[in-house]
Amino acid sequence: MDIFTDSISHFIWWSSFNWTALAQTVTDPNVLGQMQKAFTHFVQTGQAWALLIGLALGYMIRNLTSYG
């Protein structure tokens, strides 16, 4: 087990991976406001109706084409 942990620690120590690349900057921390704006846009553009119609048609087609 020592050889395994030594090799992993050696790899991590000498790795040239830049860990700061994983950090993000948050420009607008209002998550609930962003979700509300996205949902409002989803409804206003008619995508909600398209989703409901697609689900209903898909359910009907599935029942018509299933055996048994």
Protein backbone atom coordinates (compact mmCIF):
# COMPACT_ATOMS: atom_id res chain seq x y z
CA MET A 1 0.00 0.00 0.00
CA ASP A 2 2.95 2.32 0.60
CA ILE A 3 4.07 2.10 -3.02
CA PHE A 4 0.60 3.06 -4.22
CA THR A 5 0.24 6.06 -1.88
CA ASP A 6 3.80 7.17 -2.59
CA SER A 7 3.24 7.11 -6.34
CA ILE A 8 -0.06 9.02 -6.03
CA SER A 9 1.46 11.65 -3.75
CA HIS A 10 4.46 11.95 -6.09
CA PHE A 11 2.14 12.43 -9.07
CA ILE A 12 0.10 15.08 -7.28
CA TRP A 13 3.21 16.86 -6.01
CA TRP A 14 4.88 17.07 -9.42
CA SER A 15 1.70 17.52 -11.44
CA SER A 16 1.67 20.65 -13.54
CA PHE A 17 -2.13 20.88 -13.46
CA ASN A 18 -3.32 24.37 -12.61
CA TRP A 19 -5.95 23.91 -9.88
CA THR A 20 -7.09 27.54 -10.13
CA ALA A 21 -8.74 26.66 -13.44
CA LEU A 22 -11.49 24.97 -11.44
CA ALA A 23 -12.49 28.25 -9.77
CA GLN A 24 -15.37 30.31 -11.12
CA THR A 25 -16.36 33.91 -10.76
CA VAL A 26 -19.99 34.58 -9.93
CA THR A 27 -21.36 37.68 -11.62
CA ASP A 28 -24.99 37.40 -10.47
CA PRO A 29 -25.54 35.48 -7.22
CA ASN A 30 -29.35 35.78 -7.44
CA VAL A 31 -30.03 32.13 -8.31
CA LEU A 32 -33.76 32.18 -7.58
CA GLY A 33 -34.19 35.31 -9.68
CA GLN A 34 -32.37 33.66 -12.57
CA MET A 35 -34.60 30.58 -12.28
CA GLN A 36 -37.73 32.73 -12.24
CA LYS A 37 -36.55 34.68 -15.29
CA ALA A 38 -35.76 31.45 -17.17
CA PHE A 39 -39.16 29.94 -16.31
CA THR A 40 -40.97 33.12 -17.35
CA HIS A 41 -39.11 33.07 -20.68
CA PHE A 42 -39.98 29.36 -21.06
CA VAL A 43 -43.69 30.11 -20.67
CA GLN A 44 -43.74 33.33 -22.72
CA THR A 45 -42.07 31.74 -25.75
CA GLY A 46 -44.64 28.93 -25.87
CA GLN A 47 -42.19 26.19 -25.05
CA ALA A 48 -44.36 25.06 -22.13
CA TRP A 49 -47.27 24.35 -24.47
CA ALA A 50 -44.96 22.54 -26.88
CA LEU A 51 -43.72 20.38 -24.00
CA LEU A 52 -47.24 19.49 -22.87
CA ILE A 53 -48.42 18.73 -26.41
CA GLY A 54 -45.33 16.62 -27.08
CA LEU A 55 -45.82 14.62 -23.90
CA ALA A 56 -49.50 14.00 -24.70
CA LEU A 57 -48.77 12.95 -28.30
CA GLY A 58 -45.87 10.76 -27.23
CA TYR A 59 -48.03 9.03 -24.63
CA MET A 60 -50.79 8.39 -27.18
CA ILE A 61 -48.35 7.07 -29.81
CA ARG A 62 -46.71 4.84 -27.22
CA ASN A 63 -50.07 3.35 -26.25
CA LEU A 64 -51.07 2.84 -29.90
CA THR A 65 -47.83 1.08 -30.82
CA SER A 66 -47.41 -1.10 -27.73
CA TYR A 67 -48.40 -4.73 -27.88
CA GLY A 68 -50.70 -6.17 -25.28
